[in-house]
Amino acid sequence: MKRFLIKRVLVGLIVVFLVSTAVFFVTRVVTDPELAFLPVDASPAQRAAVEEHLGLDQPILVQYVDFLGDLVRLDLGDSYWQPGKPALDIVLDRLPATLWLNTVAIVVAVLIAVPLGTVAALRPGSWLDRGTTTASLLGLSAPQFWLGFILILVFGVNLRWFPTSGADQSLSIVLPAAALALPTAGKIAQMARSTMIDELDRPYMLTAESKGLRRLYQIHHHALRNTLVPVLTQSSYEYARMLAGYTVVVETVFAWPGVGQLTVQALDQQDLMLLQAIVIVVATMVVVVNVVTDLLYEVIDPRIEAA
């Protein structure tokens, strides 16, 4: 287990390093960071002063070495948009809101999807199976911004059950979490259904049935555990996808104060240092999610050994 954990952490560090390197060259070579400080009609003297202030007057390799040194010290520079505030601190202030929203959404999605997928698998081709498949496809097909507006219109404006924006109230998370959970539940339900159908046809289920075990016992103690492994894989992928930008639309629609909304604000303000910090932090969190997922495999099914 220790070897596996060390290996996964090292691979994760390499991924973060490669992502950080890519972000550095994109923000230094492809774009022009000094434009965030300068007016359109800036003079050459003003441009030179800003380049010196940002260290852009140095050769690109010197800038890269300085960047790596700052990265090791967790110094990702100050925000252009909010002068004097470290970009990393701004991102970390917003990160808990995004993690909370994504966690609630994925838990709700799993709680909806696994029972639906399991029940649908017990009677393939039945009205319940067709209804589950249809609902899953509808959830997958609905654009998130449209789904968010519909939830706001129905449950926020007309019924007035939940707040429509912000995170000031305890119920503020309901609508944005639903907008994330419903499409995700559709994918997980299809995964749970197909996996459960495969498990129900395996020889060990026939053996359990021949022993006179009740059907509910067979499903709960045998088939469901094997089904949860691919469900965990799909859920982990969806959670990582949320972190990697899937929540940007939802956080913008519901004015949720997370990293997704911060990304839109940083783009609007052309704050490249803040965008750089966002990408690095998100990449790190995706790596953490993958490592935790690998460790959870053994919790769900002890027969799986980390290698």
Protein backbone atom coordinates (compact mmCIF):
# COMPACT_ATOMS: atom_id res chain seq x y z
CA MET A 1 0.00 0.00 0.00
CA LYS A 2 2.79 2.44 0.86
CA ARG A 3 4.58 1.73 -2.42
CA PHE A 4 1.34 2.26 -4.32
CA LEU A 5 0.62 5.53 -2.52
CA ILE A 6 4.14 6.85 -3.10
CA LYS A 7 3.95 5.87 -6.77
CA ARG A 8 0.59 7.59 -7.23
CA VAL A 9 1.80 10.74 -5.48
CA LEU A 10 4.94 10.88 -7.66
CA VAL A 11 2.87 10.43 -10.81
CA GLY A 12 0.54 13.15 -9.57
CA LEU A 13 3.45 15.53 -8.96
CA ILE A 14 4.67 14.91 -12.50
CA VAL A 15 1.21 15.70 -13.86
CA VAL A 16 1.04 18.93 -11.85
CA PHE A 17 4.55 19.85 -13.04
CA LEU A 18 3.61 19.30 -16.69
CA VAL A 19 0.38 21.27 -16.31
CA SER A 20 2.24 24.10 -14.59
CA THR A 21 4.84 24.16 -17.35
CA ALA A 22 2.16 24.31 -20.02
CA VAL A 23 0.38 27.13 -18.19
CA PHE A 24 3.64 29.06 -17.84
CA PHE A 25 4.43 28.99 -21.56
CA VAL A 26 0.83 29.75 -22.54
CA THR A 27 0.75 32.83 -20.30
CA ARG A 28 4.22 33.99 -21.34
CA VAL A 29 4.53 33.02 -24.98
CA VAL A 30 1.06 32.69 -26.47
CA THR A 31 -0.43 35.64 -24.56
CA ASP A 32 0.91 39.03 -23.50
CA PRO A 33 0.56 39.47 -19.69
CA GLU A 34 1.55 43.13 -19.76
CA LEU A 35 -1.61 44.02 -21.69
CA ALA A 36 -3.55 43.65 -18.45
CA PHE A 37 -1.62 46.63 -17.05
CA LEU A 38 -1.34 48.85 -20.10
CA PRO A 39 -3.79 51.02 -22.02
CA VAL A 40 -4.15 50.52 -25.74
CA ASP A 41 -2.04 53.58 -26.53
CA ALA A 42 0.76 52.74 -24.06
CA SER A 43 4.17 54.18 -24.90
CA PRO A 44 7.30 52.05 -25.30
CA ALA A 45 8.58 53.44 -22.00
CA GLN A 46 5.44 52.36 -20.17
CA ARG A 47 5.65 48.92 -21.77
CA ALA A 48 9.30 48.56 -20.74
CA ALA A 49 8.50 49.57 -17.15
CA VAL A 50 5.72 46.97 -16.90
CA GLU A 51 7.91 44.28 -18.46
CA GLU A 52 10.61 44.98 -15.87
CA HIS A 53 8.04 44.92 -13.06
CA LEU A 54 6.71 41.53 -14.19
CA GLY A 55 10.14 40.12 -14.99
CA LEU A 56 9.22 39.78 -18.66
CA ASP A 57 12.40 41.52 -19.73
CA GLN A 58 14.39 38.42 -18.78
CA PRO A 59 15.04 35.51 -21.20
CA ILE A 60 12.23 32.98 -21.22
CA LEU A 61 14.37 30.25 -19.62
CA VAL A 62 15.32 32.58 -16.77
CA GLN A 63 11.63 33.36 -16.27
CA TYR A 64 10.85 29.64 -16.27
CA VAL A 65 13.49 28.84 -13.63
CA ASP A 66 12.19 31.68 -11.46
CA PHE A 67 8.66 30.38 -11.95
CA LEU A 68 9.63 26.87 -10.79
CA GLY A 69 11.37 28.30 -7.75
CA ASP A 70 8.28 30.30 -6.85
CA LEU A 71 6.09 27.24 -7.47
CA VAL A 72 8.10 25.18 -4.97
CA ARG A 73 7.54 27.95 -2.42
CA LEU A 74 3.82 28.04 -3.36
CA ASP A 75 4.26 31.59 -4.59
CA LEU A 76 2.17 31.98 -7.74
CA GLY A 77 2.42 35.75 -7.85
CA ASP A 78 -0.06 38.51 -7.10
CA SER A 79 -3.35 39.01 -8.86
CA TYR A 80 -3.48 41.73 -11.51
CA TRP A 81 -7.18 42.21 -10.83
CA GLN A 82 -6.77 42.50 -7.03
CA PRO A 83 -3.33 44.12 -6.56
CA GLY A 84 -1.40 43.07 -3.49
CA LYS A 85 -3.35 39.83 -2.99
CA PRO A 86 -1.56 36.54 -3.75
CA ALA A 87 -3.31 34.70 -6.57
CA LEU A 88 -3.06 31.39 -4.70
CA ASP A 89 -4.84 32.81 -1.64
CA ILE A 90 -7.70 34.07 -3.81
CA VAL A 91 -8.16 30.64 -5.38
CA LEU A 92 -7.97 28.81 -2.04
CA ASP A 93 -10.60 31.15 -0.61
CA ARG A 94 -13.01 30.10 -3.38
CA LEU A 95 -12.05 26.41 -3.49
CA PRO A 96 -14.14 25.20 -0.49
CA ALA A 97 -17.35 26.49 -2.11
CA THR A 98 -16.65 24.54 -5.30
CA LEU A 99 -15.66 21.38 -3.42
CA TRP A 100 -18.81 21.56 -1.31
CA LEU A 101 -21.04 22.07 -4.36
CA ASN A 102 -19.39 19.23 -6.31
CA THR A 103 -19.49 16.85 -3.34
CA VAL A 104 -23.18 17.45 -2.69
CA ALA A 105 -23.93 17.04 -6.41
CA ILE A 106 -22.03 13.76 -6.78
CA VAL A 107 -23.55 12.29 -3.59
CA VAL A 108 -27.06 13.17 -4.76
CA ALA A 109 -26.31 11.77 -8.21
CA VAL A 110 -25.09 8.44 -6.79
CA LEU A 111 -28.03 8.16 -4.37
CA ILE A 112 -30.42 8.64 -7.30
CA ALA A 113 -28.56 6.65 -9.93
CA VAL A 114 -27.56 3.44 -8.17
CA PRO A 115 -31.07 2.45 -6.98
CA LEU A 116 -32.60 3.41 -10.35
CA GLY A 117 -29.95 1.54 -12.32
CA THR A 118 -30.24 -1.51 -10.08
CA VAL A 119 -34.04 -1.71 -10.25
CA ALA A 120 -33.96 -1.18 -14.03
CA ALA A 121 -31.44 -4.03 -14.40
CA LEU A 122 -33.72 -6.46 -12.54
CA ARG A 123 -36.36 -6.16 -15.28
CA PRO A 124 -34.66 -5.34 -18.61
CA GLY A 125 -37.10 -4.08 -21.18
CA SER A 126 -39.81 -3.26 -18.63
CA TRP A 127 -41.54 0.11 -18.41
CA LEU A 128 -39.33 0.99 -15.46
CA ASP A 129 -36.21 0.14 -17.44
CA ARG A 130 -37.38 2.18 -20.43
CA GLY A 131 -38.39 5.06 -18.16
CA THR A 132 -35.00 5.07 -16.44
CA THR A 133 -33.19 5.02 -19.79
CA THR A 134 -35.36 7.82 -21.17
CA ALA A 135 -34.88 9.97 -18.07
CA SER A 136 -31.12 9.37 -18.20
CA LEU A 137 -30.93 10.40 -21.86
CA LEU A 138 -33.01 13.52 -21.19
CA GLY A 139 -30.72 14.48 -18.33
CA LEU A 140 -27.64 13.95 -20.49
CA SER A 141 -29.09 15.91 -23.39
CA ALA A 142 -30.20 18.99 -21.45
CA PRO A 143 -27.64 21.85 -21.61
CA GLN A 144 -26.63 22.84 -18.11
CA PHE A 145 -27.28 26.55 -18.57
CA TRP A 146 -30.80 25.73 -19.82
CA LEU A 147 -31.39 23.29 -16.97
CA GLY A 148 -30.17 25.91 -14.49
CA PHE A 149 -32.52 28.56 -15.85
CA ILE A 150 -35.46 26.12 -15.76
CA LEU A 151 -34.71 25.25 -12.12
CA ILE A 152 -34.48 28.94 -11.25
CA LEU A 153 -37.73 29.74 -13.06
CA VAL A 154 -39.74 26.86 -11.58
CA PHE A 155 -38.39 26.43 -8.05
CA GLY A 156 -36.91 29.86 -7.43
CA VAL A 157 -39.22 32.36 -9.16
CA ASN A 158 -42.59 30.62 -9.44
CA LEU A 159 -42.65 28.37 -6.36
CA ARG A 160 -40.12 30.39 -4.35
CA TRP A 161 -38.86 27.30 -2.57
CA PHE A 162 -35.14 27.97 -2.94
CA PRO A 163 -32.82 30.96 -3.39
CA THR A 164 -31.87 31.61 -7.00
CA SER A 165 -28.30 32.85 -6.52
CA GLY A 166 -25.42 33.22 -4.10
CA ALA A 167 -24.48 31.05 -1.14
CA ASP A 168 -25.78 33.13 1.75
CA GLN A 169 -28.51 30.70 2.82
CA SER A 170 -28.37 27.01 3.69
CA LEU A 171 -30.77 26.13 0.86
CA SER A 172 -28.78 28.10 -1.74
CA ILE A 173 -26.92 24.94 -2.72
CA VAL A 174 -30.05 22.99 -3.71
CA LEU A 175 -30.59 24.37 -7.22
CA PRO A 176 -26.95 24.49 -8.41
CA ALA A 177 -26.34 21.02 -6.96
CA ALA A 178 -29.43 19.74 -8.79
CA ALA A 179 -28.23 21.27 -12.05
CA LEU A 180 -24.97 19.35 -11.66
CA ALA A 181 -26.45 16.15 -10.23
CA LEU A 182 -29.21 15.41 -12.75
CA PRO A 183 -27.03 14.97 -15.87
CA THR A 184 -24.41 13.15 -13.80
CA ALA A 185 -27.04 10.81 -12.36
CA GLY A 186 -28.05 9.85 -15.89
CA LYS A 187 -24.54 8.67 -16.72
CA ILE A 188 -24.07 6.81 -13.44
CA ALA A 189 -27.51 5.17 -13.72
CA GLN A 190 -26.64 3.78 -17.15
CA MET A 191 -23.33 2.50 -15.80
CA ALA A 192 -25.03 0.88 -12.79
CA ARG A 193 -27.71 -0.70 -15.00
CA SER A 194 -25.34 -2.24 -17.55
CA THR A 195 -22.94 -3.47 -14.87
CA MET A 196 -25.72 -4.97 -12.75
CA ILE A 197 -27.13 -6.83 -15.78
CA ASP A 198 -23.69 -8.35 -16.39
CA GLU A 199 -23.31 -9.33 -12.73
CA LEU A 200 -26.75 -10.95 -12.55
CA ASP A 201 -25.77 -13.30 -15.41
CA ARG A 202 -22.51 -14.44 -13.82
CA PRO A 203 -22.15 -18.04 -12.50
CA TYR A 204 -21.74 -17.01 -8.87
CA MET A 205 -25.26 -15.53 -8.91
CA LEU A 206 -26.65 -18.80 -10.20
CA THR A 207 -24.80 -20.59 -7.42
CA ALA A 208 -26.24 -18.22 -4.83
CA GLU A 209 -29.71 -18.79 -6.22
CA SER A 210 -29.27 -22.57 -6.14
CA LYS A 211 -28.41 -22.31 -2.46
CA GLY A 212 -31.82 -20.81 -1.81
CA LEU A 213 -30.58 -17.33 -0.93
CA ARG A 214 -33.17 -14.60 -1.21
CA ARG A 215 -32.95 -12.39 -4.29
CA LEU A 216 -32.48 -9.22 -2.23
CA TYR A 217 -29.64 -10.87 -0.31
CA GLN A 218 -27.97 -11.96 -3.55
CA ILE A 219 -28.08 -8.44 -4.95
CA HIS A 220 -27.03 -6.65 -1.77
CA HIS A 221 -24.22 -8.97 -0.68
CA HIS A 222 -22.86 -10.10 -4.04
CA ALA A 223 -23.83 -8.21 -7.19
CA LEU A 224 -24.02 -4.71 -5.73
CA ARG A 225 -20.47 -4.75 -4.39
CA ASN A 226 -19.08 -5.64 -7.80
CA THR A 227 -21.31 -3.00 -9.39
CA LEU A 228 -20.00 -0.27 -7.10
CA VAL A 229 -16.45 -0.51 -8.46
CA PRO A 230 -17.30 0.79 -11.98
CA VAL A 231 -19.81 3.19 -10.40
CA LEU A 232 -17.00 4.61 -8.26
CA THR A 233 -14.83 4.95 -11.37
CA GLN A 234 -17.57 6.83 -13.23
CA SER A 235 -18.35 9.00 -10.19
CA SER A 236 -14.68 9.87 -9.75
CA TYR A 237 -14.43 10.81 -13.42
CA GLU A 238 -17.51 13.02 -13.15
CA TYR A 239 -16.19 14.69 -9.98
CA ALA A 240 -12.85 15.39 -11.63
CA ARG A 241 -14.66 16.74 -14.68
CA MET A 242 -16.63 19.08 -12.45
CA LEU A 243 -13.40 20.36 -10.91
CA ALA A 244 -11.78 20.74 -14.33
CA GLY A 245 -14.40 23.23 -15.49
CA TYR A 246 -17.77 21.49 -15.62
CA THR A 247 -19.06 23.77 -12.84
CA VAL A 248 -18.12 27.02 -14.57
CA VAL A 249 -21.51 27.34 -16.28
CA VAL A 250 -23.48 26.34 -13.18
CA GLU A 251 -21.56 28.63 -10.85
CA THR A 252 -22.02 31.50 -13.30
CA VAL A 253 -25.77 30.92 -13.71
CA PHE A 254 -26.36 30.68 -9.96
CA ALA A 255 -23.69 33.24 -8.95
CA TRP A 256 -22.10 30.56 -6.77
CA PRO A 257 -18.88 31.99 -5.27
CA GLY A 258 -16.57 29.17 -6.31
CA VAL A 259 -13.56 28.62 -8.55
CA GLY A 260 -15.77 28.37 -11.65
CA GLN A 261 -17.16 31.87 -11.17
CA LEU A 262 -13.66 33.08 -10.30
CA THR A 263 -12.38 31.70 -13.61
CA VAL A 264 -14.93 33.74 -15.54
CA GLN A 265 -14.02 36.85 -13.55
CA ALA A 266 -10.29 36.29 -14.11
CA LEU A 267 -10.88 35.92 -17.85
CA ASP A 268 -12.97 39.07 -17.91
CA GLN A 269 -10.23 40.98 -16.08
CA GLN A 270 -7.44 39.37 -18.15
CA ASP A 271 -5.79 38.32 -14.88
CA LEU A 272 -3.30 35.78 -16.20
CA MET A 273 -1.60 35.24 -12.84
CA LEU A 274 -4.93 34.33 -11.28
CA LEU A 275 -5.79 32.02 -14.19
CA GLN A 276 -2.41 30.36 -13.79
CA ALA A 277 -3.10 29.75 -10.09
CA ILE A 278 -6.58 28.38 -10.86
CA VAL A 279 -5.26 25.85 -13.37
CA ILE A 280 -2.50 24.64 -11.05
CA VAL A 281 -4.82 24.29 -8.04
CA VAL A 282 -7.49 22.48 -10.09
CA ALA A 283 -4.88 20.11 -11.57
CA THR A 284 -3.67 19.33 -8.06
CA MET A 285 -7.21 18.62 -6.86
CA VAL A 286 -7.87 16.31 -9.82
CA VAL A 287 -4.74 14.34 -8.92
CA VAL A 288 -5.91 14.11 -5.30
CA VAL A 289 -9.32 12.83 -6.42
CA ASN A 290 -7.69 10.12 -8.54
CA VAL A 291 -5.45 8.97 -5.69
CA VAL A 292 -8.36 8.86 -3.23
CA THR A 293 -10.42 6.89 -5.75
CA ASP A 294 -7.71 4.26 -6.11
CA LEU A 295 -7.57 3.89 -2.34
CA LEU A 296 -11.36 3.57 -2.10
CA TYR A 297 -11.33 0.57 -4.44
CA GLU A 298 -9.91 -1.57 -1.63
CA VAL A 299 -12.52 -0.25 0.80
CA ILE A 300 -15.37 -1.24 -1.51
CA ASP A 301 -13.85 -4.58 -2.50
CA PRO A 302 -10.94 -5.88 -0.36
CA ARG A 303 -10.10 -8.39 -3.11
CA ILE A 304 -8.70 -5.50 -5.14
CA GLU A 305 -5.06 -4.92 -4.23
CA ALA A 306 -3.29 -1.68 -5.03
CA ALA A 307 -0.35 -2.40 -7.27
